[in-house]
Amino acid sequence: MTDPDAWYFCLKHHTAEQGAGCRALDRLGPYPDRAAAGHALESTAEHTREEDAKDAAWEDGAGPERQT
């Protein structure tokens, strides 16, 4: 069920939308407010860069011990 107060970013229309809107496959979220939903692509890209850096550090042996 969709939270009617939550905000989402529609990947199809590139807009922030609240509550029920486009299908879930076409949306990112939920976000607490319209501003956060509007910056979804930027925040998602930043999160991906951070996680990629963690993966690279782990692969280089700088991260936690690998379990084999």
C-alpha atoms as a PDB file:
ATOM      1  CA  MET A   1       0.000   0.000   0.000  1.00  0.00           C
ATOM      2  CA  THR A   2       1.283   3.469  -0.874  1.00  0.00           C
ATOM      3  CA  ASP A   3       1.634   6.014   1.907  1.00  0.00           C
ATOM      4  CA  PRO A   4      -0.524   8.968   0.796  1.00  0.00           C
ATOM      5  CA  ASP A   5       1.834  11.423   2.559  1.00  0.00           C
ATOM      6  CA  ALA A   6       5.090  10.052   1.133  1.00  0.00           C
ATOM      7  CA  TRP A   7       6.846  11.524  -1.888  1.00  0.00           C
ATOM      8  CA  TYR A   8       8.325   9.604  -4.811  1.00  0.00           C
ATOM      9  CA  PHE A   9      10.406  10.434  -7.872  1.00  0.00           C
ATOM     10  CA  CYS A  10       8.862   9.218 -11.121  1.00  0.00           C
ATOM     11  CA  LEU A  11      11.547   7.940 -13.493  1.00  0.00           C
ATOM     12  CA  LYS A  12       9.117   8.048 -16.419  1.00  0.00           C
ATOM     13  CA  HIS A  13       8.082  11.703 -16.014  1.00  0.00           C
ATOM     14  CA  HIS A  14      11.153  12.980 -14.089  1.00  0.00           C
ATOM     15  CA  THR A  15       8.974  14.633 -11.473  1.00  0.00           C
ATOM     16  CA  ALA A  16       8.262  14.352  -7.766  1.00  0.00           C
ATOM     17  CA  GLU A  17       4.832  12.962  -6.977  1.00  0.00           C
ATOM     18  CA  GLN A  18       2.973  12.372  -3.744  1.00  0.00           C
ATOM     19  CA  GLY A  19       1.006   9.276  -2.793  1.00  0.00           C
ATOM     20  CA  ALA A  20      -0.388   6.987  -5.439  1.00  0.00           C
ATOM     21  CA  GLY A  21       0.944   7.891  -8.833  1.00  0.00           C
ATOM     22  CA  CYS A  22       2.857   6.010 -11.473  1.00  0.00           C
ATOM     23  CA  ARG A  23       3.539   2.318 -11.028  1.00  0.00           C
ATOM     24  CA  ALA A  24       6.146   1.292  -8.455  1.00  0.00           C
ATOM     25  CA  LEU A  25       8.587   0.055 -11.114  1.00  0.00           C
ATOM     26  CA  ASP A  26       8.828   3.610 -12.434  1.00  0.00           C
ATOM     27  CA  ARG A  27       9.444   5.289  -9.067  1.00  0.00           C
ATOM     28  CA  LEU A  28      12.151   5.867  -6.478  1.00  0.00           C
ATOM     29  CA  GLY A  29      11.217   6.373  -2.850  1.00  0.00           C
ATOM     30  CA  PRO A  30       9.497   6.930  -0.591  1.00  0.00           C
ATOM     31  CA  TYR A  31      11.008  10.245   0.493  1.00  0.00           C
ATOM     32  CA  PRO A  32       9.904  12.408   3.433  1.00  0.00           C
ATOM     33  CA  ASP A  33       9.207  15.537   1.385  1.00  0.00           C
ATOM     34  CA  ARG A  34       8.979  16.970  -2.112  1.00  0.00           C
ATOM     35  CA  ALA A  35      12.506  18.442  -2.028  1.00  0.00           C
ATOM     36  CA  ALA A  36      14.091  15.091  -1.192  1.00  0.00           C
ATOM     37  CA  ALA A  37      12.086  13.373  -3.921  1.00  0.00           C
ATOM     38  CA  GLY A  38      13.105  16.073  -6.387  1.00  0.00           C
ATOM     39  CA  HIS A  39      16.776  15.356  -5.682  1.00  0.00           C
ATOM     40  CA  ALA A  40      16.351  11.581  -5.901  1.00  0.00           C
ATOM     41  CA  LEU A  41      18.612  11.103  -8.920  1.00  0.00           C
ATOM     42  CA  GLU A  42      21.434  13.129  -7.351  1.00  0.00           C
ATOM     43  CA  SER A  43      21.177  11.418  -3.955  1.00  0.00           C
ATOM     44  CA  THR A  44      20.955   7.979  -5.580  1.00  0.00           C
ATOM     45  CA  ALA A  45      24.035   8.708  -7.718  1.00  0.00           C
ATOM     46  CA  GLU A  46      25.967   9.892  -4.645  1.00  0.00           C
ATOM     47  CA  HIS A  47      24.980   6.767  -2.708  1.00  0.00           C
ATOM     48  CA  THR A  48      26.108   4.601  -5.634  1.00  0.00           C
ATOM     49  CA  ARG A  49      29.497   6.384  -5.752  1.00  0.00           C
ATOM     50  CA  GLU A  50      29.967   5.836  -2.005  1.00  0.00           C
ATOM     51  CA  GLU A  51      29.106   2.148  -2.238  1.00  0.00           C
ATOM     52  CA  ASP A  52      31.344   1.692  -5.307  1.00  0.00           C
ATOM     53  CA  ALA A  53      34.230   3.234  -3.347  1.00  0.00           C
ATOM     54  CA  LYS A  54      33.587   0.807  -0.466  1.00  0.00           C
ATOM     55  CA  ASP A  55      33.542  -2.110  -2.906  1.00  0.00           C
ATOM     56  CA  ALA A  56      36.797  -0.964  -4.509  1.00  0.00           C
ATOM     57  CA  ALA A  57      38.464  -0.617  -1.096  1.00  0.00           C
ATOM     58  CA  TRP A  58      37.293  -4.084  -0.129  1.00  0.00           C
ATOM     59  CA  GLU A  59      38.554  -5.567  -3.401  1.00  0.00           C
ATOM     60  CA  ASP A  60      41.934  -3.872  -2.841  1.00  0.00           C
ATOM     61  CA  GLY A  61      42.177  -5.428   0.612  1.00  0.00           C
ATOM     62  CA  ALA A  62      41.576  -2.222   2.547  1.00  0.00           C
ATOM     63  CA  GLY A  63      38.163  -3.272   3.793  1.00  0.00           C
ATOM     64  CA  PRO A  64      37.070  -5.833   6.387  1.00  0.00           C
ATOM     65  CA  GLU A  65      38.535  -9.314   6.150  1.00  0.00           C
ATOM     66  CA  ARG A  66      37.088 -11.360   3.356  1.00  0.00           C
ATOM     67  CA  GLN A  67      35.340 -14.555   4.289  1.00  0.00           C
ATOM     68  CA  THR A  68      36.231 -17.398   1.959  1.00  0.00           C
END
